Amino acid sequence: MNIKTLTLLSASVLATGCATTYQANVVEPAGFLGAYHMLKEGGDDQALLVYRHPDVNKLCKNYNKVLLEPITIWVKAESSVEDVSVEDRQHLKSYLYQSIKKALSSDYQIVSQPGPGVMRFRGAITEAEGSWVALDALTSIHPGTVAMSGIKQMAFGSGTFVGETAVEFSIEDSVTRKPLMMGVDKRAGGKNWTKKFNSWGKVEASYDYWADKLKTRLAECRAGKLEM
């Protein structure tokens, strides 16, 4: 490997490592959605696995209310969620729910019952692992350890000592239960200092990212411009 290639690789690693969170390379479906045969590999700026109804850009215009079901924890074999305490599980479920509610409440009326014009959101946390705060902070200071963490990220999908989490979600018609969109995604914490000293900080940042993306995708869908 020549110096130029090494320099470009190092720059790429450091730039990616400085992100608050980043998408993992792969995600393993946990069983929450079930209909995985309907999903395909996501494109740029999409979940790792996605499904969109063929007429979703027309259908989205029919909804002005959202029924948010409580977020669940879906534990599969060898899931990192298995080791999360009951208290932390409740915190993560509540955080993701409130983040989604906050993101959508400016565009939709949040309701508690199904009905005409109501879409239903179902979501599950399938993986959640907090960061090792002291070691994560240490590897964020030294350029060499940042680079090594970034190389590990490129090879395996997550860096060293960082938090990571995965979710599955479905947006459906609340009456017919016909799916409009489904997705499976996974993110991990970068090496910048945002929420660095909270072991769940990067997981929370991932939930905020997904909530913001959900708001954006639904707005695109209502405008008939959601990329298929």
C-alpha atoms as a PDB file:
ATOM      1  CA  MET A   1       0.000   0.000   0.000  1.00  0.00           C
ATOM      2  CA  ASN A   2       1.583   3.309  -1.044  1.00  0.00           C
ATOM      3  CA  ILE A   3       1.668   6.504   1.008  1.00  0.00           C
ATOM      4  CA  LYS A   4      -1.103   8.197  -0.999  1.00  0.00           C
ATOM      5  CA  THR A   5      -3.480   5.261  -0.547  1.00  0.00           C
ATOM      6  CA  LEU A   6      -2.650   5.038   3.155  1.00  0.00           C
ATOM      7  CA  THR A   7      -3.246   8.771   3.583  1.00  0.00           C
ATOM      8  CA  LEU A   8      -6.627   8.608   1.836  1.00  0.00           C
ATOM      9  CA  LEU A   9      -7.637   5.592   3.920  1.00  0.00           C
ATOM     10  CA  SER A  10      -6.636   7.325   7.141  1.00  0.00           C
ATOM     11  CA  ALA A  11      -8.566  10.466   6.190  1.00  0.00           C
ATOM     12  CA  SER A  12     -11.646   8.405   5.389  1.00  0.00           C
ATOM     13  CA  VAL A  13     -11.395   6.501   8.659  1.00  0.00           C
ATOM     14  CA  LEU A  14     -10.956   9.655  10.728  1.00  0.00           C
ATOM     15  CA  ALA A  15     -13.819  11.463   9.004  1.00  0.00           C
ATOM     16  CA  THR A  16     -16.199   8.544   9.538  1.00  0.00           C
ATOM     17  CA  GLY A  17     -15.023   8.083  13.108  1.00  0.00           C
ATOM     18  CA  CYS A  18     -15.870  11.694  13.934  1.00  0.00           C
ATOM     19  CA  ALA A  19     -19.564  11.214  13.130  1.00  0.00           C
ATOM     20  CA  THR A  20     -22.022  11.059  16.044  1.00  0.00           C
ATOM     21  CA  THR A  21     -23.441   7.772  14.743  1.00  0.00           C
ATOM     22  CA  TYR A  22     -23.070   5.808  11.534  1.00  0.00           C
ATOM     23  CA  GLN A  23     -24.878   2.968   9.804  1.00  0.00           C
ATOM     24  CA  ALA A  24     -23.493  -0.519  10.398  1.00  0.00           C
ATOM     25  CA  ASN A  25     -22.485  -2.752   7.489  1.00  0.00           C
ATOM     26  CA  VAL A  26     -25.078  -5.459   8.111  1.00  0.00           C
ATOM     27  CA  VAL A  27     -28.061  -6.198  10.345  1.00  0.00           C
ATOM     28  CA  GLU A  28     -29.572  -9.533  11.346  1.00  0.00           C
ATOM     29  CA  PRO A  29     -33.410  -9.690  11.317  1.00  0.00           C
ATOM     30  CA  ALA A  30     -34.729 -10.635  14.747  1.00  0.00           C
ATOM     31  CA  GLY A  31     -38.221 -11.930  13.955  1.00  0.00           C
ATOM     32  CA  PHE A  32     -40.303  -8.891  14.956  1.00  0.00           C
ATOM     33  CA  LEU A  33     -41.532  -8.109  11.433  1.00  0.00           C
ATOM     34  CA  GLY A  34     -41.861 -11.650  10.197  1.00  0.00           C
ATOM     35  CA  ALA A  35     -42.464 -10.844   6.507  1.00  0.00           C
ATOM     36  CA  TYR A  36     -38.787 -10.489   5.618  1.00  0.00           C
ATOM     37  CA  HIS A  37     -39.365 -11.861   2.123  1.00  0.00           C
ATOM     38  CA  MET A  38     -40.983  -8.502   1.317  1.00  0.00           C
ATOM     39  CA  LEU A  39     -37.855  -6.519   2.218  1.00  0.00           C
ATOM     40  CA  LYS A  40     -34.952  -5.682  -0.040  1.00  0.00           C
ATOM     41  CA  GLU A  41     -31.496  -4.224   0.522  1.00  0.00           C
ATOM     42  CA  GLY A  42     -31.756  -0.477   1.079  1.00  0.00           C
ATOM     43  CA  GLY A  43     -30.032   2.078  -1.115  1.00  0.00           C
ATOM     44  CA  ASP A  44     -28.103   5.207  -0.183  1.00  0.00           C
ATOM     45  CA  ASP A  45     -29.552   7.040   2.831  1.00  0.00           C
ATOM     46  CA  GLN A  46     -32.029   4.209   3.488  1.00  0.00           C
ATOM     47  CA  ALA A  47     -32.344   1.509   6.142  1.00  0.00           C
ATOM     48  CA  LEU A  48     -30.250  -1.601   5.526  1.00  0.00           C
ATOM     49  CA  LEU A  49     -33.431  -3.551   4.691  1.00  0.00           C
ATOM     50  CA  VAL A  50     -36.555  -1.796   3.402  1.00  0.00           C
ATOM     51  CA  TYR A  51     -40.056  -2.375   2.052  1.00  0.00           C
ATOM     52  CA  ARG A  52     -42.289   0.227   0.461  1.00  0.00           C
ATOM     53  CA  HIS A  53     -45.775  -0.430  -0.878  1.00  0.00           C
ATOM     54  CA  PRO A  54     -45.798   0.064  -4.675  1.00  0.00           C
ATOM     55  CA  ASP A  55     -48.432   2.829  -4.320  1.00  0.00           C
ATOM     56  CA  VAL A  56     -47.066   4.341  -1.114  1.00  0.00           C
ATOM     57  CA  ASN A  57     -46.643   7.820  -2.628  1.00  0.00           C
ATOM     58  CA  LYS A  58     -50.374   7.880  -3.348  1.00  0.00           C
ATOM     59  CA  LEU A  59     -51.457   6.195  -0.114  1.00  0.00           C
ATOM     60  CA  CYS A  60     -49.535   8.495   2.249  1.00  0.00           C
ATOM     61  CA  LYS A  61     -51.782  11.412   1.317  1.00  0.00           C
ATOM     62  CA  ASN A  62     -54.706   9.615   2.983  1.00  0.00           C
ATOM     63  CA  TYR A  63     -53.254   9.884   6.502  1.00  0.00           C
ATOM     64  CA  ASN A  64     -53.159  12.792   8.931  1.00  0.00           C
ATOM     65  CA  LYS A  65     -53.033  10.850  12.209  1.00  0.00           C
ATOM     66  CA  VAL A  66     -50.590   8.369  13.735  1.00  0.00           C
ATOM     67  CA  LEU A  67     -51.204   5.631  16.277  1.00  0.00           C
ATOM     68  CA  LEU A  68     -47.888   4.998  18.023  1.00  0.00           C
ATOM     69  CA  GLU A  69     -47.774   1.570  19.589  1.00  0.00           C
ATOM     70  CA  PRO A  70     -45.430   1.177  22.581  1.00  0.00           C
ATOM     71  CA  ILE A  71     -41.880   0.288  21.562  1.00  0.00           C
ATOM     72  CA  THR A  72     -41.004  -3.296  22.415  1.00  0.00           C
ATOM     73  CA  ILE A  73     -37.769  -5.147  23.118  1.00  0.00           C
ATOM     74  CA  TRP A  74     -37.414  -8.128  20.804  1.00  0.00           C
ATOM     75  CA  VAL A  75     -34.724 -10.499  22.036  1.00  0.00           C
ATOM     76  CA  LYS A  76     -33.324 -13.034  19.607  1.00  0.00           C
ATOM     77  CA  ALA A  77     -30.636 -15.606  20.299  1.00  0.00           C
ATOM     78  CA  GLU A  78     -27.333 -13.969  21.277  1.00  0.00           C
ATOM     79  CA  SER A  79     -28.829 -10.467  21.034  1.00  0.00           C
ATOM     80  CA  SER A  80     -26.957  -7.764  22.942  1.00  0.00           C
ATOM     81  CA  VAL A  81     -30.321  -6.774  24.475  1.00  0.00           C
ATOM     82  CA  GLU A  82     -30.207  -9.928  26.603  1.00  0.00           C
ATOM     83  CA  ASP A  83     -27.610  -8.303  28.862  1.00  0.00           C
ATOM     84  CA  VAL A  84     -29.472  -4.997  29.295  1.00  0.00           C
ATOM     85  CA  SER A  85     -31.080  -4.446  32.710  1.00  0.00           C
ATOM     86  CA  VAL A  86     -34.845  -4.057  33.102  1.00  0.00           C
ATOM     87  CA  GLU A  87     -34.368  -0.389  34.042  1.00  0.00           C
ATOM     88  CA  ASP A  88     -32.205   0.334  31.008  1.00  0.00           C
ATOM     89  CA  ARG A  89     -34.595  -1.512  28.707  1.00  0.00           C
ATOM     90  CA  GLN A  90     -37.436   0.680  29.920  1.00  0.00           C
ATOM     91  CA  HIS A  91     -35.308   3.797  29.436  1.00  0.00           C
ATOM     92  CA  LEU A  92     -34.438   2.851  25.853  1.00  0.00           C
ATOM     93  CA  LYS A  93     -38.040   2.008  24.948  1.00  0.00           C
ATOM     94  CA  SER A  94     -39.281   5.264  26.433  1.00  0.00           C
ATOM     95  CA  TYR A  95     -36.545   7.333  24.781  1.00  0.00           C
ATOM     96  CA  LEU A  96     -37.226   5.951  21.303  1.00  0.00           C
ATOM     97  CA  TYR A  97     -40.999   6.345  21.718  1.00  0.00           C
ATOM     98  CA  GLN A  98     -40.718   9.953  22.885  1.00  0.00           C
ATOM     99  CA  SER A  99     -38.218  10.808  20.137  1.00  0.00           C
ATOM    100  CA  ILE A 100     -40.587   9.492  17.455  1.00  0.00           C
ATOM    101  CA  LYS A 101     -43.593  11.179  19.058  1.00  0.00           C
ATOM    102  CA  LYS A 102     -41.791  14.514  19.166  1.00  0.00           C
ATOM    103  CA  ALA A 103     -40.655  14.204  15.545  1.00  0.00           C
ATOM    104  CA  LEU A 104     -44.095  13.338  14.166  1.00  0.00           C
ATOM    105  CA  SER A 105     -46.365  15.475  16.345  1.00  0.00           C
ATOM    106  CA  SER A 106     -45.709  18.609  14.275  1.00  0.00           C
ATOM    107  CA  ASP A 107     -47.057  16.927  11.118  1.00  0.00           C
ATOM    108  CA  TYR A 108     -49.586  14.421  12.464  1.00  0.00           C
ATOM    109  CA  GLN A 109     -52.169  14.188  15.215  1.00  0.00           C
ATOM    110  CA  ILE A 110     -51.086  11.479  17.656  1.00  0.00           C
ATOM    111  CA  VAL A 111     -54.087   9.273  18.504  1.00  0.00           C
ATOM    112  CA  SER A 112     -54.742   6.218  20.662  1.00  0.00           C
ATOM    113  CA  GLN A 113     -57.302   4.386  18.508  1.00  0.00           C
ATOM    114  CA  PRO A 114     -57.274   3.007  14.946  1.00  0.00           C
ATOM    115  CA  GLY A 115     -59.585   4.509  12.364  1.00  0.00           C
ATOM    116  CA  PRO A 116     -59.856   6.185   8.952  1.00  0.00           C
ATOM    117  CA  GLY A 117     -56.880   8.396   8.140  1.00  0.00           C
ATOM    118  CA  VAL A 118     -54.787   6.781  10.887  1.00  0.00           C
ATOM    119  CA  MET A 119     -51.477   5.037  10.216  1.00  0.00           C
ATOM    120  CA  ARG A 120     -50.081   2.677  12.817  1.00  0.00           C
ATOM    121  CA  PHE A 121     -46.404   2.673  13.796  1.00  0.00           C
ATOM    122  CA  ARG A 122     -44.923  -0.481  15.343  1.00  0.00           C
ATOM    123  CA  GLY A 123     -41.294  -0.635  16.407  1.00  0.00           C
ATOM    124  CA  ALA A 124     -38.916  -2.927  18.263  1.00  0.00           C
ATOM    125  CA  ILE A 125     -35.403  -2.580  19.614  1.00  0.00           C
ATOM    126  CA  THR A 126     -33.569  -5.762  18.655  1.00  0.00           C
ATOM    127  CA  GLU A 127     -30.029  -4.861  19.698  1.00  0.00           C
ATOM    128  CA  ALA A 128     -28.708  -2.367  22.231  1.00  0.00           C
ATOM    129  CA  GLU A 129     -25.227  -2.145  23.686  1.00  0.00           C
ATOM    130  CA  GLY A 130     -23.934   0.828  25.645  1.00  0.00           C
ATOM    131  CA  SER A 131     -20.450   2.247  25.152  1.00  0.00           C
ATOM    132  CA  TRP A 132     -17.573   1.777  27.586  1.00  0.00           C
ATOM    133  CA  VAL A 133     -17.412   5.433  28.581  1.00  0.00           C
ATOM    134  CA  ALA A 134     -13.808   5.678  29.806  1.00  0.00           C
ATOM    135  CA  LEU A 135     -12.298   3.610  26.998  1.00  0.00           C
ATOM    136  CA  ASP A 136     -14.483   5.256  24.359  1.00  0.00           C
ATOM    137  CA  ALA A 137     -13.249   8.656  25.528  1.00  0.00           C
ATOM    138  CA  LEU A 138      -9.635   7.426  25.490  1.00  0.00           C
ATOM    139  CA  THR A 139      -9.865   6.144  21.907  1.00  0.00           C
ATOM    140  CA  SER A 140     -11.384   9.488  20.901  1.00  0.00           C
ATOM    141  CA  ILE A 141      -8.321  11.424  22.091  1.00  0.00           C
ATOM    142  CA  HIS A 142      -5.391   9.584  20.530  1.00  0.00           C
ATOM    143  CA  PRO A 143      -5.255   9.777  16.700  1.00  0.00           C
ATOM    144  CA  GLY A 144      -3.781   6.307  16.449  1.00  0.00           C
ATOM    145  CA  THR A 145      -6.571   4.672  18.430  1.00  0.00           C
ATOM    146  CA  VAL A 146      -9.175   6.662  16.502  1.00  0.00           C
ATOM    147  CA  ALA A 147      -7.726   5.271  13.271  1.00  0.00           C
ATOM    148  CA  MET A 148      -7.615   1.695  14.605  1.00  0.00           C
ATOM    149  CA  SER A 149     -11.227   1.995  15.780  1.00  0.00           C
ATOM    150  CA  GLY A 150     -12.186   3.350  12.358  1.00  0.00           C
ATOM    151  CA  ILE A 151     -10.458   0.450  10.587  1.00  0.00           C
ATOM    152  CA  LYS A 152     -12.350  -1.982  12.826  1.00  0.00           C
ATOM    153  CA  GLN A 153     -15.535  -0.102  11.927  1.00  0.00           C
ATOM    154  CA  MET A 154     -14.873  -0.460   8.193  1.00  0.00           C
ATOM    155  CA  ALA A 155     -14.109  -4.171   8.544  1.00  0.00           C
ATOM    156  CA  PHE A 156     -16.767  -5.274  11.024  1.00  0.00           C
ATOM    157  CA  GLY A 157     -19.385  -2.502  11.034  1.00  0.00           C
ATOM    158  CA  SER A 158     -18.696  -0.945  14.437  1.00  0.00           C
ATOM    159  CA  GLY A 159     -15.789   0.747  16.170  1.00  0.00           C
ATOM    160  CA  THR A 160     -14.071   0.039  19.462  1.00  0.00           C
ATOM    161  CA  PHE A 161     -15.911   0.552  22.800  1.00  0.00           C
ATOM    162  CA  VAL A 162     -18.819   2.409  21.118  1.00  0.00           C
ATOM    163  CA  GLY A 163     -22.553   1.899  21.671  1.00  0.00           C
ATOM    164  CA  GLU A 164     -24.676   0.287  18.985  1.00  0.00           C
ATOM    165  CA  THR A 165     -28.335  -0.531  18.442  1.00  0.00           C
ATOM    166  CA  ALA A 166     -30.697  -2.069  15.887  1.00  0.00           C
ATOM    167  CA  VAL A 167     -34.415  -1.594  15.277  1.00  0.00           C
ATOM    168  CA  GLU A 168     -37.223  -3.012  13.173  1.00  0.00           C
ATOM    169  CA  PHE A 169     -40.325  -0.996  12.299  1.00  0.00           C
ATOM    170  CA  SER A 170     -43.555  -1.154  10.347  1.00  0.00           C
ATOM    171  CA  ILE A 171     -45.917   1.629   9.263  1.00  0.00           C
ATOM    172  CA  GLU A 172     -49.365   0.243   8.435  1.00  0.00           C
ATOM    173  CA  ASP A 173     -52.925   1.259   7.768  1.00  0.00           C
ATOM    174  CA  SER A 174     -54.438   1.105  11.253  1.00  0.00           C
ATOM    175  CA  VAL A 175     -57.643  -0.602  10.053  1.00  0.00           C
ATOM    176  CA  THR A 176     -56.541  -3.039   7.337  1.00  0.00           C
ATOM    177  CA  ARG A 177     -53.019  -3.540   8.796  1.00  0.00           C
ATOM    178  CA  LYS A 178     -51.683  -3.340   5.239  1.00  0.00           C
ATOM    179  CA  PRO A 179     -47.985  -2.364   5.469  1.00  0.00           C
ATOM    180  CA  LEU A 180     -47.003   0.919   3.838  1.00  0.00           C
ATOM    181  CA  MET A 181     -43.328   0.833   4.834  1.00  0.00           C
ATOM    182  CA  MET A 182     -41.092  -1.525   6.790  1.00  0.00           C
ATOM    183  CA  GLY A 183     -37.447  -1.364   7.703  1.00  0.00           C
ATOM    184  CA  VAL A 184     -34.590  -2.984   9.594  1.00  0.00           C
ATOM    185  CA  ASP A 185     -31.540  -0.898  10.451  1.00  0.00           C
ATOM    186  CA  LYS A 186     -28.519  -0.763  12.731  1.00  0.00           C
ATOM    187  CA  ARG A 187     -26.290   2.107  13.836  1.00  0.00           C
ATOM    188  CA  ALA A 188     -23.236   2.504  16.057  1.00  0.00           C
ATOM    189  CA  GLY A 189     -21.571   5.419  17.802  1.00  0.00           C
ATOM    190  CA  GLY A 190     -18.817   7.472  16.195  1.00  0.00           C
ATOM    191  CA  LYS A 191     -15.811   8.981  17.927  1.00  0.00           C
ATOM    192  CA  ASN A 192     -16.916  12.589  18.289  1.00  0.00           C
ATOM    193  CA  TRP A 193     -17.710  13.985  21.733  1.00  0.00           C
ATOM    194  CA  THR A 194     -21.495  14.252  21.429  1.00  0.00           C
ATOM    195  CA  LYS A 195     -23.039  12.349  24.376  1.00  0.00           C
ATOM    196  CA  LYS A 196     -19.598  10.861  25.041  1.00  0.00           C
ATOM    197  CA  PHE A 197     -19.980  10.524  28.819  1.00  0.00           C
ATOM    198  CA  ASN A 198     -23.366   8.780  28.787  1.00  0.00           C
ATOM    199  CA  SER A 199     -23.036   5.037  28.165  1.00  0.00           C
ATOM    200  CA  TRP A 200     -26.342   5.077  26.260  1.00  0.00           C
ATOM    201  CA  GLY A 201     -25.652   8.449  24.622  1.00  0.00           C
ATOM    202  CA  LYS A 202     -24.767   7.142  21.171  1.00  0.00           C
ATOM    203  CA  VAL A 203     -27.725   4.741  21.247  1.00  0.00           C
ATOM    204  CA  GLU A 204     -29.994   7.686  22.068  1.00  0.00           C
ATOM    205  CA  ALA A 205     -28.390   9.663  19.223  1.00  0.00           C
ATOM    206  CA  SER A 206     -29.224   6.783  16.873  1.00  0.00           C
ATOM    207  CA  TYR A 207     -32.860   6.892  17.991  1.00  0.00           C
ATOM    208  CA  ASP A 208     -32.985  10.649  17.387  1.00  0.00           C
ATOM    209  CA  TYR A 209     -31.482  10.094  13.934  1.00  0.00           C
ATOM    210  CA  TRP A 210     -34.107   7.482  13.043  1.00  0.00           C
ATOM    211  CA  ALA A 211     -36.952   9.641  14.357  1.00  0.00           C
ATOM    212  CA  ASP A 212     -35.776  12.561  12.226  1.00  0.00           C
ATOM    213  CA  LYS A 213     -35.444  10.309   9.165  1.00  0.00           C
ATOM    214  CA  LEU A 214     -38.956   8.971   9.763  1.00  0.00           C
ATOM    215  CA  LYS A 215     -40.334  12.504   9.806  1.00  0.00           C
ATOM    216  CA  THR A 216     -38.483  13.314   6.575  1.00  0.00           C
ATOM    217  CA  ARG A 217     -39.577  10.136   4.776  1.00  0.00           C
ATOM    218  CA  LEU A 218     -43.236  10.628   5.683  1.00  0.00           C
ATOM    219  CA  ALA A 219     -43.085  14.246   4.504  1.00  0.00           C
ATOM    220  CA  GLU A 220     -41.597  13.080   1.192  1.00  0.00           C
ATOM    221  CA  CYS A 221     -44.282  10.419   0.933  1.00  0.00           C
ATOM    222  CA  ARG A 222     -47.127  12.882   1.498  1.00  0.00           C
ATOM    223  CA  ALA A 223     -45.633  15.041  -1.246  1.00  0.00           C
ATOM    224  CA  GLY A 224     -45.503  12.015  -3.557  1.00  0.00           C
ATOM    225  CA  LYS A 225     -41.714  12.164  -3.749  1.00  0.00           C
ATOM    226  CA  LEU A 226     -40.561   9.197  -1.652  1.00  0.00           C
ATOM    227  CA  GLU A 227     -37.759   7.334  -3.408  1.00  0.00           C
ATOM    228  CA  MET A 228     -38.722   3.738  -4.047  1.00  0.00           C
END
